[in-house]
């Protein structure tokens, strides 16, 4: 079994297919840890969830856009903060289908987020996967999922220490984990070449697929990574989250 982690898909099914194909991902054998935010942005949200559900060994980390999306699936809520940040594309991905197919997809995708998605995941070899980050002043198991998928301080602090020439974060709870993989924070400002960002023991894998960047899939063990084309070129007639 090879182990992979993928960043924020944001409805970019075509990008997801590119990175899976480039990596030679084995749907029945390999492990995929998805860092969340499959919803909101590009128009193929439903297709993206369906593709992930084909993977036998899938671990799904719930994220902030997933939470907004799930609220819509459960209650029909359409807050402006959601619809203005890609939510309209998520809605259209389901509403532009016949009723039978729409009901089937909503049932499957709601079950994934309600039943199987987790706020974080720790492997047996001590690697942590979380969408945003965590408060290193207390154990991760005691923290609210909301904080785990909105946090940006962990990555910001890791980048600061990197800028100071330090190799590791000077925080005991962070150093409990050999490696930490996060999404959530688009890295194009700190790394304009759109490559994955590595600072201290933190890997940041949101290279802006929801905007005008690329989707990244990484082999957790070898650190070989596979990237899509610039996602906006895959959907030239769509706005995404731009």
Protein backbone atom coordinates (compact mmCIF):
# COMPACT_ATOMS: atom_id res chain seq x y z
CA UNK A 1 0.00 0.00 0.00
CA UNK A 2 1.23 3.45 -0.94
CA UNK A 3 0.01 6.38 1.15
CA UNK A 4 -1.05 9.70 -0.34
CA UNK A 5 -2.47 13.00 0.85
CA UNK A 6 -4.34 15.50 -1.33
CA UNK A 7 -5.00 19.18 -0.76
CA UNK A 8 -8.16 21.23 -1.15
CA UNK A 9 -10.06 20.09 -4.28
CA UNK A 10 -12.83 22.74 -4.30
CA UNK A 11 -14.92 21.06 -6.97
CA UNK A 12 -12.05 20.67 -9.43
CA UNK A 13 -12.84 17.11 -10.51
CA UNK A 14 -10.67 17.42 -13.63
CA UNK A 15 -7.68 18.37 -11.49
CA UNK A 16 -8.39 15.51 -9.10
CA UNK A 17 -8.42 13.05 -11.99
CA UNK A 18 -5.13 14.45 -13.30
CA UNK A 19 -3.24 13.94 -10.05
CA UNK A 20 -4.70 10.49 -9.41
CA UNK A 21 -3.74 9.39 -12.91
CA UNK A 22 -0.26 10.94 -12.77
CA UNK A 23 0.49 9.11 -9.52
CA UNK A 24 -0.80 5.76 -10.74
CA UNK A 25 -3.07 5.67 -7.70
CA UNK A 26 -4.51 2.19 -7.04
CA UNK A 27 -8.13 2.64 -5.93
CA UNK A 28 -8.40 -0.76 -4.24
CA UNK A 29 -4.97 -0.85 -2.64
CA UNK A 30 -3.53 2.59 -1.90
CA UNK A 31 -4.48 4.95 0.95
CA UNK A 32 -5.69 8.48 0.33
CA UNK A 33 -6.01 11.07 3.08
CA UNK A 34 -8.09 13.98 1.85
CA UNK A 35 -7.48 17.23 3.74
CA UNK A 36 -11.05 18.41 3.11
CA UNK A 37 -12.70 21.28 1.27
CA UNK A 38 -13.81 19.19 -1.68
CA UNK A 39 -16.85 21.48 -1.85
CA UNK A 40 -17.19 25.06 -3.11
CA UNK A 41 -15.45 26.63 -6.06
CA UNK A 42 -15.39 24.83 -9.39
CA UNK A 43 -18.54 23.24 -10.85
CA UNK A 44 -17.87 19.51 -10.33
CA UNK A 45 -18.35 19.11 -6.60
CA UNK A 46 -20.65 16.09 -6.90
CA UNK A 47 -18.28 14.37 -9.34
CA UNK A 48 -15.35 14.98 -6.99
CA UNK A 49 -17.12 13.37 -4.03
CA UNK A 50 -18.21 10.45 -6.21
CA UNK A 51 -14.64 9.83 -7.33
CA UNK A 52 -13.35 9.84 -3.77
CA UNK A 53 -16.03 7.35 -2.75
CA UNK A 54 -14.58 4.88 -5.26
CA UNK A 55 -11.42 4.68 -3.15
CA UNK A 56 -11.41 1.74 -0.76
CA UNK A 57 -8.94 3.23 1.73
CA UNK A 58 -10.15 6.82 2.07
CA UNK A 59 -9.72 9.00 5.13
CA UNK A 60 -11.61 12.28 4.88
CA UNK A 61 -10.72 15.26 7.09
CA UNK A 62 -13.68 17.61 7.45
CA UNK A 63 -13.00 21.27 6.72
CA UNK A 64 -14.68 24.67 6.87
CA UNK A 65 -16.20 24.58 3.37
CA UNK A 66 -17.38 21.03 4.00
CA UNK A 67 -19.17 22.23 7.14
CA UNK A 68 -20.98 24.99 5.24
CA UNK A 69 -21.84 22.56 2.46
CA UNK A 70 -23.10 19.93 4.91
CA UNK A 71 -25.30 22.52 6.61
CA UNK A 72 -26.94 23.19 3.23
CA UNK A 73 -27.45 19.46 2.63
CA UNK A 74 -29.03 19.08 6.07
CA UNK A 75 -31.07 22.24 6.42
CA UNK A 76 -31.05 24.13 3.12
CA UNK A 77 -29.22 27.06 4.74
CA UNK A 78 -27.55 29.46 2.26
CA UNK A 79 -25.64 32.10 4.26
CA UNK A 80 -23.93 34.80 2.20
CA UNK A 81 -20.53 33.92 3.66
CA UNK A 82 -20.91 30.51 2.02
CA UNK A 83 -22.58 31.38 -1.28
CA UNK A 84 -20.06 34.18 -1.91
CA UNK A 85 -17.12 31.80 -1.43
CA UNK A 86 -17.98 29.02 -3.85
CA UNK A 87 -21.22 27.76 -2.35
CA UNK A 88 -23.26 28.62 -5.43
CA UNK A 89 -21.15 26.23 -7.48
CA UNK A 90 -21.76 23.46 -4.93
CA UNK A 91 -25.50 24.04 -5.07
CA UNK A 92 -25.55 24.04 -8.87
CA UNK A 93 -23.57 20.80 -8.98
CA UNK A 94 -26.58 19.05 -7.42
CA UNK A 95 -29.56 21.16 -8.43
CA UNK A 96 -28.75 20.91 -12.14
CA UNK A 97 -29.65 17.21 -12.14
CA UNK A 98 -32.85 15.25 -12.30
CA UNK A 99 -34.50 14.64 -8.96
CA UNK A 100 -33.67 10.96 -8.66
CA UNK A 101 -29.96 11.44 -9.29
CA UNK A 102 -29.85 14.50 -7.05
CA UNK A 103 -31.39 12.60 -4.14
CA UNK A 104 -29.01 9.69 -4.62
CA UNK A 105 -25.90 11.89 -4.67
CA UNK A 106 -26.98 14.02 -1.73
CA UNK A 107 -27.66 10.92 0.36
CA UNK A 108 -24.22 9.45 -0.39
CA UNK A 109 -22.25 12.64 0.11
CA UNK A 110 -24.10 13.68 3.23
CA UNK A 111 -23.37 10.27 4.73
CA UNK A 112 -19.66 10.66 3.98
CA UNK A 113 -19.48 14.00 5.80
CA UNK A 114 -21.83 13.07 8.66
CA UNK A 115 -20.60 9.56 9.37
CA UNK A 116 -17.10 8.98 8.07
CA UNK A 117 -15.35 12.34 8.03
CA UNK A 118 -13.03 13.05 10.98
CA UNK A 119 -11.63 16.32 12.40
CA UNK A 120 -8.04 15.03 12.27
CA UNK A 121 -6.12 11.79 11.74
CA UNK A 122 -2.90 10.46 13.24
CA UNK A 123 -1.10 7.56 11.59
CA UNK A 124 0.59 4.76 13.49
CA UNK A 125 3.95 6.29 12.55
CA UNK A 126 2.98 9.59 14.18
CA UNK A 127 2.00 11.82 11.26
CA UNK A 128 -0.85 14.27 11.86
CA UNK A 129 -3.35 15.32 9.21
CA UNK A 130 -5.66 18.26 9.90
CA UNK A 131 -7.32 20.76 7.60
CA UNK A 132 -6.22 24.04 9.18
CA UNK A 133 -4.05 23.48 12.23
CA UNK A 134 -4.49 23.25 15.98
CA UNK A 135 -3.89 25.10 19.24
CA UNK A 136 -0.58 23.71 20.49
CA UNK A 137 -1.32 24.79 24.07
CA UNK A 138 -3.65 21.83 24.65
CA UNK A 139 -4.11 18.27 23.38
CA UNK A 140 -5.63 18.03 19.93
CA UNK A 141 -8.24 15.52 21.11
CA UNK A 142 -9.71 18.19 23.41
CA UNK A 143 -10.21 20.77 20.66
CA UNK A 144 -13.33 21.81 18.81
CA UNK A 145 -13.41 20.68 15.15
CA UNK A 146 -14.30 24.27 14.22
CA UNK A 147 -10.93 25.45 15.51
CA UNK A 148 -9.10 22.63 13.74
CA UNK A 149 -10.41 23.56 10.32
CA UNK A 150 -10.12 27.33 10.70
CA UNK A 151 -6.68 27.61 12.34
CA UNK A 152 -3.93 29.37 10.40
CA UNK A 153 -1.57 30.12 13.30
CA UNK A 154 0.23 26.78 13.08
CA UNK A 155 1.38 27.31 9.50
CA UNK A 156 2.08 31.01 10.04
CA UNK A 157 4.30 30.19 13.02
CA UNK A 158 6.12 27.45 11.12
CA UNK A 159 6.80 29.90 8.29
CA UNK A 160 8.07 32.48 10.77
CA UNK A 161 10.50 30.00 12.30
CA UNK A 162 11.66 29.03 8.82
CA UNK A 163 12.33 32.69 8.04
CA UNK A 164 14.47 32.89 11.17
CA UNK A 165 16.55 29.93 10.11
CA UNK A 166 15.14 27.62 12.76
CA UNK A 167 14.61 23.97 11.88
CA UNK A 168 11.82 23.21 14.33
CA UNK A 169 8.90 24.82 16.08
CA UNK A 170 9.71 25.51 19.70
CA UNK A 171 6.41 24.10 20.95
CA UNK A 172 6.21 20.75 22.70
CA UNK A 173 2.79 19.68 21.43
CA UNK A 174 3.74 20.45 17.83
CA UNK A 175 6.89 18.37 18.19
CA UNK A 176 4.80 15.44 19.41
CA UNK A 177 4.20 14.69 15.73
CA UNK A 178 6.93 13.70 13.33
CA UNK A 179 5.13 15.48 10.49
CA UNK A 180 1.99 17.58 10.15
CA UNK A 181 0.05 17.93 6.90
CA UNK A 182 -2.40 20.81 6.45
CA UNK A 183 -4.49 22.44 3.74
CA UNK A 184 -6.75 25.49 4.16
CA UNK A 185 -4.18 28.26 3.63
CA UNK A 186 -3.37 28.94 0.00
CA UNK A 187 0.42 29.13 -0.26
CA UNK A 188 0.90 31.09 -3.50
CA UNK A 189 1.95 34.25 -1.66
CA UNK A 190 4.81 32.54 0.16
CA UNK A 191 5.69 30.20 -2.71
CA UNK A 192 4.64 31.72 -6.07
CA UNK A 193 5.92 28.69 -8.00
CA UNK A 194 2.96 26.76 -6.52
CA UNK A 195 5.11 23.98 -5.10
CA UNK A 196 4.19 22.37 -1.77
CA UNK A 197 5.42 24.36 1.21
CA UNK A 198 7.61 22.73 3.88
CA UNK A 199 8.37 24.62 7.09
CA UNK A 200 9.70 22.89 10.19
CA UNK A 201 7.73 19.63 10.43
CA UNK A 202 4.69 21.11 8.64
CA UNK A 203 3.69 20.42 5.03
CA UNK A 204 1.15 22.82 3.49
CA UNK A 205 -0.64 21.31 0.50
CA UNK A 206 -3.19 23.95 -0.53
CA UNK A 207 -1.61 25.35 -3.68
CA UNK A 208 -4.69 27.31 -4.67
CA UNK A 209 -6.75 24.78 -6.62
CA UNK A 210 -9.89 26.66 -5.63
CA UNK A 211 -8.54 29.83 -7.19
CA UNK A 212 -5.96 30.04 -9.96
CA UNK A 213 -3.45 27.57 -8.61
CA UNK A 214 -2.87 23.81 -8.78
CA UNK A 215 -4.09 20.75 -6.95
CA UNK A 216 -1.37 18.76 -5.18
CA UNK A 217 -1.26 15.05 -4.37
CA UNK A 218 1.76 13.88 -2.34
CA UNK A 219 3.19 10.49 -1.52
CA UNK A 220 3.35 10.69 2.26
CA UNK A 221 6.45 8.53 2.56
CA UNK A 222 8.63 9.49 -0.41
CA UNK A 223 7.39 13.12 -0.66
CA UNK A 224 7.07 12.73 -4.42
CA UNK A 225 4.22 14.96 -5.47
CA UNK A 226 1.93 15.27 -8.45
CA UNK A 227 0.19 18.46 -9.52
CA UNK A 228 -2.63 19.34 -11.86
CA UNK A 229 -2.57 21.98 -14.54
CA UNK A 230 -3.52 25.49 -13.42
CA UNK A 231 -7.11 24.75 -12.50
CA UNK A 232 -8.59 27.84 -14.14
CA UNK A 233 -7.30 26.51 -17.49
CA UNK A 234 -9.28 23.31 -16.94
CA UNK A 235 -12.47 25.34 -16.45
CA UNK A 236 -11.98 28.33 -18.79
CA UNK A 237 -15.63 29.35 -18.74
CA UNK A 238 -16.03 29.20 -14.96
CA UNK A 239 -15.01 31.63 -12.23
CA UNK A 240 -14.24 29.20 -9.42
CA UNK A 241 -13.63 31.20 -6.24
CA UNK A 242 -12.09 34.11 -8.19
